[in-house]
Amino acid sequence: GRFTISRDNAKNTGYLQMNSLKPED
């Protein structure tokens, strides 16, 4: 619910979108 993993194989790139970050992250 806070993080989203994705990838774009055409760009050879992966992503991690991190929202609502907490100090423990």
PDB file of all heavy atoms in Angstrom:
ATOM      1  N   GLY A   1       0.789  -1.227   0.000  1.00  0.00           N
ATOM      2  CA  GLY A   1       0.000   0.000   0.000  1.00  0.00           C
ATOM      3  C   GLY A   1       0.821   1.276   0.000  1.00  0.00           C
ATOM      4  O   GLY A   1       0.280   2.359  -0.236  1.00  0.00           O
ATOM      5  N   ARG A   2       2.117   1.163   0.277  1.00  0.00           N
ATOM      6  CA  ARG A   2       2.983   2.349   0.278  1.00  0.00           C
ATOM      7  C   ARG A   2       4.004   2.305  -0.853  1.00  0.00           C
ATOM      8  O   ARG A   2       4.341   3.349  -1.415  1.00  0.00           O
ATOM      9  CB  ARG A   2       3.725   2.469   1.609  1.00  0.00           C
ATOM     10  CG  ARG A   2       2.842   2.624   2.822  1.00  0.00           C
ATOM     11  CD  ARG A   2       3.655   2.995   4.062  1.00  0.00           C
ATOM     12  NE  ARG A   2       4.679   2.006   4.383  1.00  0.00           N
ATOM     13  CZ  ARG A   2       5.969   2.294   4.553  1.00  0.00           C
ATOM     14  NH1 ARG A   2       6.406   3.538   4.392  1.00  0.00           N
ATOM     15  NH2 ARG A   2       6.827   1.334   4.867  1.00  0.00           N
ATOM     16  N   PHE A   3       4.510   1.125  -1.160  1.00  0.00           N
ATOM     17  CA  PHE A   3       5.544   0.972  -2.182  1.00  0.00           C
ATOM     18  C   PHE A   3       4.952   0.301  -3.421  1.00  0.00           C
ATOM     19  O   PHE A   3       4.067  -0.556  -3.317  1.00  0.00           O
ATOM     20  CB  PHE A   3       6.687   0.114  -1.662  1.00  0.00           C
ATOM     21  CG  PHE A   3       7.520   0.749  -0.582  1.00  0.00           C
ATOM     22  CD1 PHE A   3       7.164   1.941   0.021  1.00  0.00           C
ATOM     23  CD2 PHE A   3       8.700   0.137  -0.165  1.00  0.00           C
ATOM     24  CE1 PHE A   3       7.941   2.517   1.016  1.00  0.00           C
ATOM     25  CE2 PHE A   3       9.497   0.694   0.830  1.00  0.00           C
ATOM     26  CZ  PHE A   3       9.103   1.880   1.421  1.00  0.00           C
ATOM     27  N   THR A   4       5.479   0.668  -4.587  1.00  0.00           N
ATOM     28  CA  THR A   4       5.069   0.045  -5.837  1.00  0.00           C
ATOM     29  C   THR A   4       6.300  -0.297  -6.658  1.00  0.00           C
ATOM     30  O   THR A   4       7.110   0.593  -6.956  1.00  0.00           O
ATOM     31  CB  THR A   4       4.155   0.962  -6.650  1.00  0.00           C
ATOM     32  OG1 THR A   4       3.000   1.311  -5.877  1.00  0.00           O
ATOM     33  CG2 THR A   4       3.702   0.267  -7.932  1.00  0.00           C
ATOM     34  N   ILE A   5       6.420  -1.566  -7.011  1.00  0.00           N
ATOM     35  CA  ILE A   5       7.525  -1.995  -7.864  1.00  0.00           C
ATOM     36  C   ILE A   5       7.026  -2.066  -9.302  1.00  0.00           C
ATOM     37  O   ILE A   5       5.878  -2.456  -9.567  1.00  0.00           O
ATOM     38  CB  ILE A   5       8.087  -3.354  -7.392  1.00  0.00           C
ATOM     39  CG1 ILE A   5       9.370  -3.703  -8.142  1.00  0.00           C
ATOM     40  CG2 ILE A   5       7.046  -4.457  -7.508  1.00  0.00           C
ATOM     41  CD1 ILE A   5      10.092  -4.933  -7.580  1.00  0.00           C
ATOM     42  N   SER A   6       7.880  -1.688 -10.228  1.00  0.00           N
ATOM     43  CA  SER A   6       7.522  -1.746 -11.642  1.00  0.00           C
ATOM     44  C   SER A   6       8.804  -1.905 -12.457  1.00  0.00           C
ATOM     45  O   SER A   6       9.911  -1.829 -11.919  1.00  0.00           O
ATOM     46  CB  SER A   6       6.770  -0.489 -12.070  1.00  0.00           C
ATOM     47  OG  SER A   6       7.571   0.671 -11.902  1.00  0.00           O
ATOM     48  N   ARG A   7       8.637  -2.105 -13.750  1.00  0.00           N
ATOM     49  CA  ARG A   7       9.795  -2.231 -14.620  1.00  0.00           C
ATOM     50  C   ARG A   7       9.412  -1.825 -16.029  1.00  0.00           C
ATOM     51  O   ARG A   7       8.242  -1.910 -16.424  1.00  0.00           O
ATOM     52  CB  ARG A   7      10.335  -3.664 -14.603  1.00  0.00           C
ATOM     53  CG  ARG A   7       9.382  -4.697 -15.162  1.00  0.00           C
ATOM     54  CD  ARG A   7       9.861  -6.118 -14.863  1.00  0.00           C
ATOM     55  NE  ARG A   7      11.133  -6.411 -15.531  1.00  0.00           N
ATOM     56  CZ  ARG A   7      11.942  -7.412 -15.200  1.00  0.00           C
ATOM     57  NH1 ARG A   7      11.620  -8.207 -14.184  1.00  0.00           N
ATOM     58  NH2 ARG A   7      13.046  -7.637 -15.876  1.00  0.00           N
ATOM     59  N   ASP A   8      10.413  -1.412 -16.788  1.00  0.00           N
ATOM     60  CA  ASP A   8      10.263  -1.091 -18.196  1.00  0.00           C
ATOM     61  C   ASP A   8      11.352  -1.875 -18.924  1.00  0.00           C
ATOM     62  O   ASP A   8      12.514  -1.428 -18.974  1.00  0.00           O
ATOM     63  CB  ASP A   8      10.391   0.405 -18.417  1.00  0.00           C
ATOM     64  CG  ASP A   8      10.118   0.806 -19.858  1.00  0.00           C
ATOM     65  OD1 ASP A   8      10.208  -0.061 -20.750  1.00  0.00           O
ATOM     66  OD2 ASP A   8       9.828   1.985 -20.101  1.00  0.00           O
ATOM     67  N   ASN A   9      11.002  -3.015 -19.461  1.00  0.00           N
ATOM     68  CA  ASN A   9      12.014  -3.867 -20.107  1.00  0.00           C
ATOM     69  C   ASN A   9      12.610  -3.211 -21.354  1.00  0.00           C
ATOM     70  O   ASN A   9      13.754  -3.489 -21.714  1.00  0.00           O
ATOM     71  CB  ASN A   9      11.422  -5.223 -20.450  1.00  0.00           C
ATOM     72  CG  ASN A   9      11.210  -6.093 -19.211  1.00  0.00           C
ATOM     73  OD1 ASN A   9      11.811  -5.866 -18.159  1.00  0.00           O
ATOM     74  ND2 ASN A   9      10.347  -7.080 -19.332  1.00  0.00           N
ATOM     75  N   ALA A  10      11.837  -2.360 -22.004  1.00  0.00           N
ATOM     76  CA  ALA A  10      12.371  -1.661 -23.179  1.00  0.00           C
ATOM     77  C   ALA A  10      13.510  -0.729 -22.787  1.00  0.00           C
ATOM     78  O   ALA A  10      14.395  -0.451 -23.598  1.00  0.00           O
ATOM     79  CB  ALA A  10      11.265  -0.889 -23.872  1.00  0.00           C
ATOM     80  N   LYS A  11      13.469  -0.237 -21.553  1.00  0.00           N
ATOM     81  CA  LYS A  11      14.516   0.656 -21.065  1.00  0.00           C
ATOM     82  C   LYS A  11      15.507  -0.058 -20.152  1.00  0.00           C
ATOM     83  O   LYS A  11      16.400   0.576 -19.585  1.00  0.00           O
ATOM     84  CB  LYS A  11      13.882   1.830 -20.304  1.00  0.00           C
ATOM     85  CG  LYS A  11      13.030   2.741 -21.176  1.00  0.00           C
ATOM     86  CD  LYS A  11      12.489   3.907 -20.365  1.00  0.00           C
ATOM     87  CE  LYS A  11      11.649   4.839 -21.245  1.00  0.00           C
ATOM     88  NZ  LYS A  11      11.100   5.981 -20.479  1.00  0.00           N
ATOM     89  N   ASN A  12      15.324  -1.367 -19.968  1.00  0.00           N
ATOM     90  CA  ASN A  12      16.207  -2.126 -19.074  1.00  0.00           C
ATOM     91  C   ASN A  12      16.280  -1.481 -17.696  1.00  0.00           C
ATOM     92  O   ASN A  12      17.361  -1.388 -17.089  1.00  0.00           O
ATOM     93  CB  ASN A  12      17.617  -2.238 -19.664  1.00  0.00           C
ATOM     94  CG  ASN A  12      17.784  -3.474 -20.530  1.00  0.00           C
ATOM     95  OD1 ASN A  12      16.816  -4.127 -20.905  1.00  0.00           O
ATOM     96  ND2 ASN A  12      19.019  -3.783 -20.886  1.00  0.00           N
ATOM     97  N   THR A  13      15.142  -1.061 -17.190  1.00  0.00           N
ATOM     98  CA  THR A  13      15.119  -0.336 -15.928  1.00  0.00           C
ATOM     99  C   THR A  13      13.983  -0.824 -15.048  1.00  0.00           C
ATOM    100  O   THR A  13      12.870  -1.054 -15.525  1.00  0.00           O
ATOM    101  CB  THR A  13      14.979   1.177 -16.159  1.00  0.00           C
ATOM    102  OG1 THR A  13      16.044   1.621 -16.996  1.00  0.00           O
ATOM    103  CG2 THR A  13      15.035   1.940 -14.844  1.00  0.00           C
ATOM    104  N   GLY A  14      14.294  -0.948 -13.756  1.00  0.00           N
ATOM    105  CA  GLY A  14      13.285  -1.247 -12.765  1.00  0.00           C
ATOM    106  C   GLY A  14      13.104  -0.063 -11.836  1.00  0.00           C
ATOM    107  O   GLY A  14      13.979   0.811 -11.743  1.00  0.00           O
ATOM    108  N   TYR A  15      11.963  -0.035 -11.156  1.00  0.00           N
ATOM    109  CA  TYR A  15      11.640   1.116 -10.313  1.00  0.00           C
ATOM    110  C   TYR A  15      11.045   0.659  -8.986  1.00  0.00           C
ATOM    111  O   TYR A  15      10.441  -0.414  -8.885  1.00  0.00           O
ATOM    112  CB  TYR A  15      10.635   2.024 -11.017  1.00  0.00           C
ATOM    113  CG  TYR A  15      11.056   2.481 -12.382  1.00  0.00           C
ATOM    114  CD1 TYR A  15      10.623   1.828 -13.526  1.00  0.00           C
ATOM    115  CD2 TYR A  15      11.912   3.570 -12.530  1.00  0.00           C
ATOM    116  CE1 TYR A  15      11.009   2.231 -14.785  1.00  0.00           C
ATOM    117  CE2 TYR A  15      12.310   3.990 -13.799  1.00  0.00           C
ATOM    118  CZ  TYR A  15      11.860   3.314 -14.915  1.00  0.00           C
ATOM    119  OH  TYR A  15      12.261   3.733 -16.150  1.00  0.00           O
ATOM    120  N   LEU A  16      11.194   1.517  -7.992  1.00  0.00           N
ATOM    121  CA  LEU A  16      10.503   1.325  -6.722  1.00  0.00           C
ATOM    122  C   LEU A  16       9.974   2.690  -6.301  1.00  0.00           C
ATOM    123  O   LEU A  16      10.750   3.564  -5.914  1.00  0.00           O
ATOM    124  CB  LEU A  16      11.428   0.756  -5.657  1.00  0.00           C
ATOM    125  CG  LEU A  16      10.746   0.456  -4.318  1.00  0.00           C
ATOM    126  CD1 LEU A  16       9.765  -0.713  -4.472  1.00  0.00           C
ATOM    127  CD2 LEU A  16      11.782   0.137  -3.228  1.00  0.00           C
ATOM    128  N   GLN A  17       8.672   2.870  -6.406  1.00  0.00           N
ATOM    129  CA  GLN A  17       8.025   4.093  -5.952  1.00  0.00           C
ATOM    130  C   GLN A  17       7.686   3.933  -4.481  1.00  0.00           C
ATOM    131  O   GLN A  17       6.986   2.990  -4.106  1.00  0.00           O
ATOM    132  CB  GLN A  17       6.755   4.360  -6.761  1.00  0.00           C
ATOM    133  CG  GLN A  17       5.953   5.557  -6.289  1.00  0.00           C
ATOM    134  CD  GLN A  17       6.667   6.873  -6.550  1.00  0.00           C
ATOM    135  OE1 GLN A  17       7.173   7.101  -7.644  1.00  0.00           O
ATOM    136  NE2 GLN A  17       6.710   7.740  -5.539  1.00  0.00           N
ATOM    137  N   MET A  18       8.169   4.844  -3.672  1.00  0.00           N
ATOM    138  CA  MET A  18       7.956   4.765  -2.228  1.00  0.00           C
ATOM    139  C   MET A  18       7.190   5.992  -1.761  1.00  0.00           C
ATOM    140  O   MET A  18       7.663   7.111  -1.915  1.00  0.00           O
ATOM    141  CB  MET A  18       9.302   4.666  -1.503  1.00  0.00           C
ATOM    142  CG  MET A  18      10.184   3.525  -1.995  1.00  0.00           C
ATOM    143  SD  MET A  18      11.690   3.325  -1.026  1.00  0.00           S
ATOM    144  CE  MET A  18      12.529   4.850  -1.429  1.00  0.00           C
ATOM    145  N   ASN A  19       6.018   5.764  -1.211  1.00  0.00           N
ATOM    146  CA  ASN A  19       5.176   6.844  -0.704  1.00  0.00           C
ATOM    147  C   ASN A  19       4.973   6.691   0.795  1.00  0.00           C
ATOM    148  O   ASN A  19       5.226   5.632   1.366  1.00  0.00           O
ATOM    149  CB  ASN A  19       3.816   6.812  -1.405  1.00  0.00           C
ATOM    150  CG  ASN A  19       3.920   7.024  -2.900  1.00  0.00           C
ATOM    151  OD1 ASN A  19       4.794   7.736  -3.391  1.00  0.00           O
ATOM    152  ND2 ASN A  19       3.015   6.400  -3.643  1.00  0.00           N
ATOM    153  N   SER A  20       4.508   7.751   1.424  1.00  0.00           N
ATOM    154  CA  SER A  20       4.225   7.733   2.870  1.00  0.00           C
ATOM    155  C   SER A  20       5.412   7.179   3.650  1.00  0.00           C
ATOM    156  O   SER A  20       5.266   6.311   4.522  1.00  0.00           O
ATOM    157  CB  SER A  20       2.967   6.903   3.153  1.00  0.00           C
ATOM    158  OG  SER A  20       1.863   7.411   2.458  1.00  0.00           O
ATOM    159  N   LEU A  21       6.577   7.696   3.339  1.00  0.00           N
ATOM    160  CA  LEU A  21       7.789   7.175   3.956  1.00  0.00           C
ATOM    161  C   LEU A  21       7.833   7.460   5.449  1.00  0.00           C
ATOM    162  O   LEU A  21       7.348   8.499   5.917  1.00  0.00           O
ATOM    163  CB  LEU A  21       9.015   7.754   3.263  1.00  0.00           C
ATOM    164  CG  LEU A  21       9.320   7.123   1.904  1.00  0.00           C
ATOM    165  CD1 LEU A  21      10.251   8.002   1.085  1.00  0.00           C
ATOM    166  CD2 LEU A  21       9.916   5.733   2.079  1.00  0.00           C
ATOM    167  N   LYS A  22       8.427   6.528   6.167  1.00  0.00           N
ATOM    168  CA  LYS A  22       8.543   6.612   7.617  1.00  0.00           C
ATOM    169  C   LYS A  22      10.023   6.583   8.001  1.00  0.00           C
ATOM    170  O   LYS A  22      10.849   6.048   7.246  1.00  0.00           O
ATOM    171  CB  LYS A  22       7.842   5.416   8.263  1.00  0.00           C
ATOM    172  CG  LYS A  22       6.396   5.237   7.847  1.00  0.00           C
ATOM    173  CD  LYS A  22       5.826   3.948   8.410  1.00  0.00           C
ATOM    174  CE  LYS A  22       4.399   3.718   7.957  1.00  0.00           C
ATOM    175  NZ  LYS A  22       3.849   2.440   8.486  1.00  0.00           N
ATOM    176  N   PRO A  23      10.376   7.113   9.161  1.00  0.00           N
ATOM    177  CA  PRO A  23      11.781   7.051   9.583  1.00  0.00           C
ATOM    178  C   PRO A  23      12.327   5.624   9.585  1.00  0.00           C
ATOM    179  O   PRO A  23      13.515   5.415   9.295  1.00  0.00           O
ATOM    180  CB  PRO A  23      11.744   7.646  10.990  1.00  0.00           C
ATOM    181  CG  PRO A  23      10.600   8.607  10.945  1.00  0.00           C
ATOM    182  CD  PRO A  23       9.570   7.937  10.070  1.00  0.00           C
ATOM    183  N   GLU A  24      11.507   4.654   9.870  1.00  0.00           N
ATOM    184  CA  GLU A  24      11.965   3.262   9.891  1.00  0.00           C
ATOM    185  C   GLU A  24      12.236   2.709   8.496  1.00  0.00           C
ATOM    186  O   GLU A  24      12.738   1.584   8.359  1.00  0.00           O
ATOM    187  CB  GLU A  24      10.977   2.357  10.634  1.00  0.00           C
ATOM    188  CG  GLU A  24       9.544   2.474  10.172  1.00  0.00           C
ATOM    189  CD  GLU A  24       8.737   3.424  11.040  1.00  0.00           C
ATOM    190  OE1 GLU A  24       9.261   4.512  11.390  1.00  0.00           O
ATOM    191  OE2 GLU A  24       7.569   3.080  11.332  1.00  0.00           O
ATOM    192  N   ASP A  25      11.922   3.459   7.465  1.00  0.00           N
ATOM    193  CA  ASP A  25      12.276   3.053   6.108  1.00  0.00           C
ATOM    194  C   ASP A  25      13.716   3.434   5.763  1.00  0.00           C
ATOM    195  O   ASP A  25      14.210   3.086   4.684  1.00  0.00           O
ATOM    196  CB  ASP A  25      11.340   3.711   5.083  1.00  0.00           C
ATOM    197  CG  ASP A  25       9.916   3.195   5.188  1.00  0.00           C
ATOM    198  OD1 ASP A  25       9.725   1.975   5.365  1.00  0.00           O
ATOM    199  OD2 ASP A  25       8.992   4.028   5.097  1.00  0.00           O
TER     200      ASP A  25
END
